[in-house]
């Protein structure tokens, strides 16, 4: 097995590296990934972590790339701004996020009288592994969101503040995590706790709104890229990929099918709008059914975006198992784990 430097996880592309020229010494010293002219999203987190101001010259859509600043800025702080340590800090934060999400899921399930070992299914999700191993922000974002879910539990007034703050930080790490506070606030409002619902929404959305205002003032854009615009019709993003190749078939089997089955199985067992059920419906609707075309280009994109769906379904497991829906639940979980047959060989033979 060949040795690859840790900075190769970011998949730096020659196109954007040369686009910025010599404006940043820390960024321009990077070596592009062989046989990958364009690179991948992780390179932009690496650029921002190395040089937060000048990184915009190396970005395709600066306002969009700066729209998830917690991950790269936390890596910069952790590495004490030393360029050689930044790639290691990005990797470490990804691992910490995965561990935090797994811990929070396990603790929540144990509190609901289910074996905490089922929480390991979150950490075993292939999409989470891809987020960590490609220097992407989903791992840290959903780790924070899972901690917020754990704190929500039987939340009192003081704990609700903690929940909102955690969701707020998660939102400026990856905005799709906002589906969880939206679902939880909806449940609170439905149960006549409108003040708590408003407070949760305010705390969760305030950092995201403030960031968008800051981006508009600095870069004259709020970063509304094509990849963030939901499709107007169900599965139009996937239909537009026709004729489907093997990557799209994998997405159907490992993202679309388990997502839809998760909602059907959970609703059949639970039959009411609990916080977990609302979170599952919201995540499947926005991150699977209405997912835009640029995110249905392969499992690397759609699989990691669906991390929120997996987390929401795990929150439904106690009630599913309590009602004896073991087989249906394991069918969904098995479909989510199927991509390991392709993800692991690719990881072991990375070029």
Protein backbone atom coordinates (compact mmCIF):
# COMPACT_ATOMS: atom_id res chain seq x y z
CA UNK A 1 0.00 0.00 0.00
CA UNK A 2 1.37 3.41 -1.01
CA UNK A 3 1.83 6.25 1.46
CA UNK A 4 -0.23 9.37 0.84
CA UNK A 5 0.22 12.66 2.71
CA UNK A 6 -2.69 13.63 4.94
CA UNK A 7 -3.36 16.74 2.85
CA UNK A 8 -4.33 14.44 -0.05
CA UNK A 9 -7.62 13.82 1.80
CA UNK A 10 -8.75 17.27 0.69
CA UNK A 11 -8.34 16.35 -3.01
CA UNK A 12 -6.75 19.60 -4.12
CA UNK A 13 -7.43 20.33 -7.78
CA UNK A 14 -4.93 21.94 -10.12
CA UNK A 15 -7.66 24.19 -11.59
CA UNK A 16 -8.48 26.11 -8.40
CA UNK A 17 -4.96 25.99 -7.02
CA UNK A 18 -3.62 27.73 -10.13
CA UNK A 19 -6.62 30.04 -10.26
CA UNK A 20 -5.46 31.77 -7.09
CA UNK A 21 -1.89 32.17 -8.31
CA UNK A 22 0.62 33.22 -5.65
CA UNK A 23 -1.75 35.31 -3.51
CA UNK A 24 -1.35 33.02 -0.51
CA UNK A 25 1.96 31.39 0.35
CA UNK A 26 0.27 28.81 2.59
CA UNK A 27 -2.14 27.70 -0.15
CA UNK A 28 0.17 27.95 -3.16
CA UNK A 29 2.64 25.51 -1.54
CA UNK A 30 0.06 22.71 -1.81
CA UNK A 31 0.51 19.96 -4.36
CA UNK A 32 -2.53 19.08 -6.50
CA UNK A 33 -3.90 15.55 -6.32
CA UNK A 34 -2.56 13.51 -9.26
CA UNK A 35 -4.99 12.91 -12.13
CA UNK A 36 -7.59 15.25 -10.61
CA UNK A 37 -7.66 18.64 -12.29
CA UNK A 38 -10.82 19.88 -10.55
CA UNK A 39 -10.45 18.31 -7.09
CA UNK A 40 -13.32 18.09 -4.61
CA UNK A 41 -15.11 20.14 -1.95
CA UNK A 42 -12.60 19.34 0.79
CA UNK A 43 -9.98 21.51 -0.90
CA UNK A 44 -11.99 24.65 -0.13
CA UNK A 45 -12.11 23.83 3.58
CA UNK A 46 -8.35 23.33 3.46
CA UNK A 47 -7.83 26.67 1.68
CA UNK A 48 -9.95 28.54 4.25
CA UNK A 49 -8.17 26.84 7.13
CA UNK A 50 -4.78 27.77 5.70
CA UNK A 51 -5.62 31.37 4.79
CA UNK A 52 -9.14 32.52 5.74
CA UNK A 53 -9.01 35.82 3.84
CA UNK A 54 -7.09 34.99 0.66
CA UNK A 55 -8.82 31.63 0.19
CA UNK A 56 -11.64 33.34 -1.70
CA UNK A 57 -9.31 33.75 -4.71
CA UNK A 58 -9.03 29.96 -4.88
CA UNK A 59 -12.76 29.23 -4.72
CA UNK A 60 -15.37 28.59 -7.38
CA UNK A 61 -18.17 30.36 -5.44
CA UNK A 62 -16.58 32.14 -2.46
CA UNK A 63 -19.80 33.04 -0.61
CA UNK A 64 -20.98 29.43 -0.87
CA UNK A 65 -17.66 28.02 0.35
CA UNK A 66 -17.47 30.48 3.24
CA UNK A 67 -21.01 29.49 4.23
CA UNK A 68 -19.72 26.61 6.42
CA UNK A 69 -16.86 28.25 8.31
CA UNK A 70 -16.78 26.40 11.65
CA UNK A 71 -14.96 23.32 10.36
CA UNK A 72 -12.02 25.09 8.65
CA UNK A 73 -11.70 27.84 11.26
CA UNK A 74 -11.77 25.31 14.10
CA UNK A 75 -9.01 23.39 12.31
CA UNK A 76 -6.98 26.58 11.99
CA UNK A 77 -7.38 27.30 15.69
CA UNK A 78 -6.57 23.72 16.66
CA UNK A 79 -3.41 23.72 14.52
CA UNK A 80 -2.36 27.16 15.87
CA UNK A 81 -2.39 28.33 12.22
CA UNK A 82 0.65 26.20 11.37
CA UNK A 83 0.24 25.14 7.72
CA UNK A 84 1.81 21.70 8.25
CA UNK A 85 -0.61 20.91 11.07
CA UNK A 86 -3.81 22.15 9.40
CA UNK A 87 -4.52 18.97 7.37
CA UNK A 88 -4.10 16.88 10.52
CA UNK A 89 -6.47 19.18 12.40
CA UNK A 90 -9.11 18.77 9.67
CA UNK A 91 -8.83 14.99 9.92
CA UNK A 92 -8.91 15.05 13.72
CA UNK A 93 -12.03 17.21 13.78
CA UNK A 94 -13.73 14.83 11.35
CA UNK A 95 -12.93 11.89 13.61
CA UNK A 96 -14.05 13.81 16.70
CA UNK A 97 -17.34 14.65 14.99
CA UNK A 98 -17.97 11.01 14.09
CA UNK A 99 -17.11 9.93 17.64
CA UNK A 100 -19.35 12.62 19.16
CA UNK A 101 -22.27 11.63 16.95
CA UNK A 102 -21.82 7.95 17.79
CA UNK A 103 -21.52 8.68 21.51
CA UNK A 104 -24.58 10.94 21.54
CA UNK A 105 -26.65 8.42 19.59
CA UNK A 106 -25.60 5.60 21.91
CA UNK A 107 -26.34 7.64 25.04
CA UNK A 108 -29.74 8.66 23.70
CA UNK A 109 -30.68 5.06 22.84
CA UNK A 110 -29.52 3.84 26.24
CA UNK A 111 -31.67 6.48 27.91
CA UNK A 112 -34.60 5.13 25.89
CA UNK A 113 -33.93 1.60 27.23
CA UNK A 114 -32.29 0.29 24.05
CA UNK A 115 -28.80 -1.19 23.82
CA UNK A 116 -26.27 1.62 23.27
CA UNK A 117 -24.49 -0.59 20.74
CA UNK A 118 -27.10 0.39 18.17
CA UNK A 119 -25.56 3.85 18.26
CA UNK A 120 -22.52 2.36 16.55
CA UNK A 121 -24.64 2.13 13.39
CA UNK A 122 -24.26 5.90 13.04
CA UNK A 123 -20.48 5.63 13.16
CA UNK A 124 -20.58 2.68 10.74
CA UNK A 125 -22.53 4.56 8.08
CA UNK A 126 -20.39 4.71 4.89
CA UNK A 127 -21.45 8.28 4.12
CA UNK A 128 -19.97 9.40 7.43
CA UNK A 129 -16.69 7.66 6.62
CA UNK A 130 -16.55 9.49 3.29
CA UNK A 131 -17.14 12.83 5.00
CA UNK A 132 -14.18 12.20 7.33
CA UNK A 133 -11.85 10.77 4.69
CA UNK A 134 -12.49 13.57 2.17
CA UNK A 135 -12.09 16.47 4.66
CA UNK A 136 -15.76 17.48 4.55
CA UNK A 137 -17.83 19.22 7.22
CA UNK A 138 -20.75 16.78 7.66
CA UNK A 139 -19.05 14.69 10.33
CA UNK A 140 -18.45 17.61 12.69
CA UNK A 141 -21.82 19.19 11.90
CA UNK A 142 -23.86 16.09 12.64
CA UNK A 143 -21.72 15.28 15.66
CA UNK A 144 -22.80 18.65 17.08
CA UNK A 145 -26.41 18.05 15.99
CA UNK A 146 -26.42 14.63 17.70
CA UNK A 147 -25.17 16.21 20.93
CA UNK A 148 -28.00 18.75 20.64
CA UNK A 149 -30.50 15.91 20.20
CA UNK A 150 -29.12 14.22 23.30
CA UNK A 151 -29.46 17.45 25.29
CA UNK A 152 -32.99 18.00 23.96
CA UNK A 153 -34.26 14.80 25.60
CA UNK A 154 -36.41 15.94 28.48
CA UNK A 155 -35.15 19.51 28.11
CA UNK A 156 -35.82 22.10 30.76
CA UNK A 157 -35.36 25.82 30.16
CA UNK A 158 -31.61 25.81 30.84
CA UNK A 159 -30.97 22.76 28.70
CA UNK A 160 -33.05 24.20 25.85
CA UNK A 161 -30.48 27.01 25.62
CA UNK A 162 -27.71 24.40 25.29
CA UNK A 163 -29.72 22.63 22.60
CA UNK A 164 -30.19 25.85 20.64
CA UNK A 165 -26.54 26.85 20.89
CA UNK A 166 -25.36 23.42 19.70
CA UNK A 167 -27.80 23.49 16.79
CA UNK A 168 -26.66 27.03 15.98
CA UNK A 169 -23.00 26.04 15.77
CA UNK A 170 -23.94 22.94 13.75
CA UNK A 171 -25.86 25.13 11.29
CA UNK A 172 -22.80 27.21 10.40
CA UNK A 173 -20.86 23.98 10.02
CA UNK A 174 -23.44 22.45 7.67
CA UNK A 175 -26.81 24.17 7.16
CA UNK A 176 -28.75 20.93 6.56
CA UNK A 177 -28.59 20.24 10.29
CA UNK A 178 -31.22 22.98 10.71
CA UNK A 179 -33.85 20.38 9.80
CA UNK A 180 -33.55 19.00 13.34
CA UNK A 181 -34.35 22.22 15.25
CA UNK A 182 -37.12 22.91 12.75
CA UNK A 183 -38.67 19.52 13.50
CA UNK A 184 -38.21 19.85 17.26
CA UNK A 185 -39.59 23.40 17.30
CA UNK A 186 -42.60 22.20 15.33
CA UNK A 187 -43.23 19.51 17.93
CA UNK A 188 -42.89 22.04 20.78
CA UNK A 189 -45.31 24.43 19.08
CA UNK A 190 -47.83 21.65 18.47
CA UNK A 191 -47.74 20.84 22.20
CA UNK A 192 -48.51 24.43 23.17
CA UNK A 193 -44.90 25.31 24.00
CA UNK A 194 -44.73 28.13 21.50
CA UNK A 195 -42.34 30.25 23.56
CA UNK A 196 -39.89 27.34 23.79
CA UNK A 197 -40.29 26.71 20.07
CA UNK A 198 -39.55 30.35 19.24
CA UNK A 199 -36.55 30.35 21.54
CA UNK A 200 -35.14 27.18 20.01
CA UNK A 201 -35.56 28.54 16.49
CA UNK A 202 -33.99 31.88 17.41
CA UNK A 203 -30.94 30.27 18.99
CA UNK A 204 -30.56 27.73 16.17
CA UNK A 205 -30.96 30.15 13.27
CA UNK A 206 -29.26 33.27 14.66
CA UNK A 207 -25.66 32.24 13.76
CA UNK A 208 -26.74 31.15 10.28
CA UNK A 209 -28.63 34.39 9.59
CA UNK A 210 -25.76 36.48 10.97
CA UNK A 211 -23.32 34.60 8.73
CA UNK A 212 -25.44 35.22 5.65
CA UNK A 213 -25.61 38.93 6.45
CA UNK A 214 -21.86 39.02 6.92
CA UNK A 215 -21.27 37.26 3.59
CA UNK A 216 -23.61 39.67 1.81
CA UNK A 217 -21.68 42.64 3.18
CA UNK A 218 -18.23 41.15 2.49
CA UNK A 219 -18.69 39.15 -0.72
CA UNK A 220 -21.96 40.67 -1.97
CA UNK A 221 -23.64 37.28 -2.03
CA UNK A 222 -25.31 34.95 0.47
CA UNK A 223 -23.90 31.88 -1.28
CA UNK A 224 -27.09 30.51 -2.84
CA UNK A 225 -25.34 28.03 -5.15
CA UNK A 226 -27.15 25.66 -7.51
CA UNK A 227 -26.30 22.76 -5.21
CA UNK A 228 -28.45 24.32 -2.45
CA UNK A 229 -31.63 24.86 -4.47
CA UNK A 230 -34.24 22.18 -3.92
CA UNK A 231 -35.95 20.62 -6.91
CA UNK A 232 -39.60 21.63 -7.50
CA UNK A 233 -40.72 18.03 -8.07
CA UNK A 234 -39.95 14.76 -6.22
CA UNK A 235 -36.75 13.05 -7.41
CA UNK A 236 -36.33 15.47 -10.30
CA UNK A 237 -32.65 15.76 -9.39
CA UNK A 238 -32.22 12.03 -9.90
CA UNK A 239 -34.43 11.87 -13.00
CA UNK A 240 -32.29 14.54 -14.65
CA UNK A 241 -29.32 12.16 -14.41
CA UNK A 242 -30.96 9.76 -16.88
CA UNK A 243 -29.71 7.49 -18.42
CA UNK A 244 -28.53 6.10 -15.09
CA UNK A 245 -25.09 4.55 -14.74
CA UNK A 246 -23.81 2.33 -11.90
CA UNK A 247 -23.26 5.27 -9.49
CA UNK A 248 -26.90 6.29 -9.84
CA UNK A 249 -28.12 2.74 -9.28
CA UNK A 250 -26.05 2.67 -6.09
CA UNK A 251 -27.69 5.92 -4.98
CA UNK A 252 -31.14 4.46 -5.58
CA UNK A 253 -30.35 1.31 -3.59
CA UNK A 254 -28.41 2.97 -0.76
CA UNK A 255 -29.94 6.44 -0.39
CA UNK A 256 -33.38 6.67 -2.00
CA UNK A 257 -34.80 3.23 -1.17
CA UNK A 258 -33.72 3.09 2.50
CA UNK A 259 -34.81 6.71 2.99
CA UNK A 260 -38.32 6.04 1.78
CA UNK A 261 -38.51 2.71 3.62
CA UNK A 262 -37.34 4.41 6.82
CA UNK A 263 -40.30 6.81 6.74
CA UNK A 264 -42.77 4.04 5.87
CA UNK A 265 -41.48 1.66 8.55
CA UNK A 266 -41.26 4.33 11.25
CA UNK A 267 -44.70 5.76 10.52
CA UNK A 268 -46.27 2.31 10.51
CA UNK A 269 -44.78 1.60 13.94
CA UNK A 270 -45.11 5.02 15.59
CA UNK A 271 -48.17 6.46 13.89
CA UNK A 272 -47.79 9.94 15.37
CA UNK A 273 -45.62 13.02 14.92
CA UNK A 274 -42.98 12.60 17.60
CA UNK A 275 -39.82 14.78 17.44
CA UNK A 276 -37.89 11.86 15.91
CA UNK A 277 -40.63 11.17 13.37
CA UNK A 278 -40.81 14.83 12.33
CA UNK A 279 -37.02 14.96 12.00
CA UNK A 280 -37.04 11.83 9.84
CA UNK A 281 -39.77 13.14 7.54
CA UNK A 282 -38.04 16.51 7.16
CA UNK A 283 -34.65 14.97 6.39
CA UNK A 284 -36.02 12.50 3.85
CA UNK A 285 -38.11 15.18 2.15
CA UNK A 286 -35.33 17.73 1.77
CA UNK A 287 -32.23 15.51 1.57
CA UNK A 288 -33.60 12.67 -0.56
CA UNK A 289 -36.90 13.48 -2.30
CA UNK A 290 -36.13 17.10 -3.27
CA UNK A 291 -32.33 16.79 -3.40
CA UNK A 292 -30.96 18.92 -6.28
CA UNK A 293 -29.38 17.47 -9.38
CA UNK A 294 -25.73 18.35 -8.48
CA UNK A 295 -26.06 16.18 -5.36
CA UNK A 296 -27.26 13.11 -7.26
CA UNK A 297 -24.02 12.64 -9.20
CA UNK A 298 -22.79 9.74 -7.07
CA UNK A 299 -22.78 8.24 -3.60
CA UNK A 300 -19.94 10.49 -2.42
CA UNK A 301 -22.37 13.41 -2.69
CA UNK A 302 -25.81 12.00 -1.87
CA UNK A 303 -24.56 9.41 0.64
CA UNK A 304 -22.90 11.92 2.95
CA UNK A 305 -25.80 14.37 2.59
CA UNK A 306 -28.10 11.63 3.89
CA UNK A 307 -26.27 11.41 7.25
CA UNK A 308 -29.13 13.36 8.80
CA UNK A 309 -31.62 10.75 7.60
CA UNK A 310 -29.64 7.99 9.32
CA UNK A 311 -29.43 9.96 12.58
CA UNK A 312 -33.17 10.68 12.56
CA UNK A 313 -34.00 7.01 11.92
CA UNK A 314 -31.81 5.90 14.83
CA UNK A 315 -33.90 8.17 17.05
CA UNK A 316 -36.96 6.16 15.95
CA UNK A 317 -35.41 2.76 16.78
CA UNK A 318 -36.63 2.50 20.41
CA UNK A 319 -40.26 2.73 19.38
CA UNK A 320 -39.76 0.45 16.39
CA UNK A 321 -38.15 -2.26 18.50
CA UNK A 322 -40.69 -1.79 21.25
CA UNK A 323 -43.37 -2.65 18.69
CA UNK A 324 -41.46 -5.63 17.34
CA UNK A 325 -40.43 -4.08 14.00
CA UNK A 326 -36.97 -5.65 14.07
CA UNK A 327 -36.97 -7.09 10.53
CA UNK A 328 -38.17 -3.91 8.85
CA UNK A 329 -35.66 -1.78 10.77
CA UNK A 330 -32.76 -4.07 9.88
CA UNK A 331 -33.70 -4.07 6.20
CA UNK A 332 -33.39 -0.27 6.20
CA UNK A 333 -30.11 -0.34 8.13
CA UNK A 334 -28.63 -3.04 5.87
CA UNK A 335 -29.40 -1.02 2.73
CA UNK A 336 -27.60 1.96 4.25
CA UNK A 337 -24.53 -0.20 4.95
CA UNK A 338 -24.36 -1.75 1.46
CA UNK A 339 -21.98 0.87 -0.03
CA UNK A 340 -19.13 -0.48 2.11
CA UNK A 341 -18.63 -3.05 -0.66
CA UNK A 342 -17.43 -0.25 -2.93
CA UNK A 343 -16.29 2.43 -0.46
CA UNK A 344 -13.79 0.24 1.39
CA UNK A 345 -11.94 -1.10 -1.69
CA UNK A 346 -11.67 2.45 -3.05
CA UNK A 347 -10.28 3.68 0.27
CA UNK A 348 -7.68 0.92 0.44
CA UNK A 349 -6.51 1.47 -3.12
CA UNK A 350 -6.61 5.24 -3.19
CA UNK A 351 -4.37 6.59 -5.93
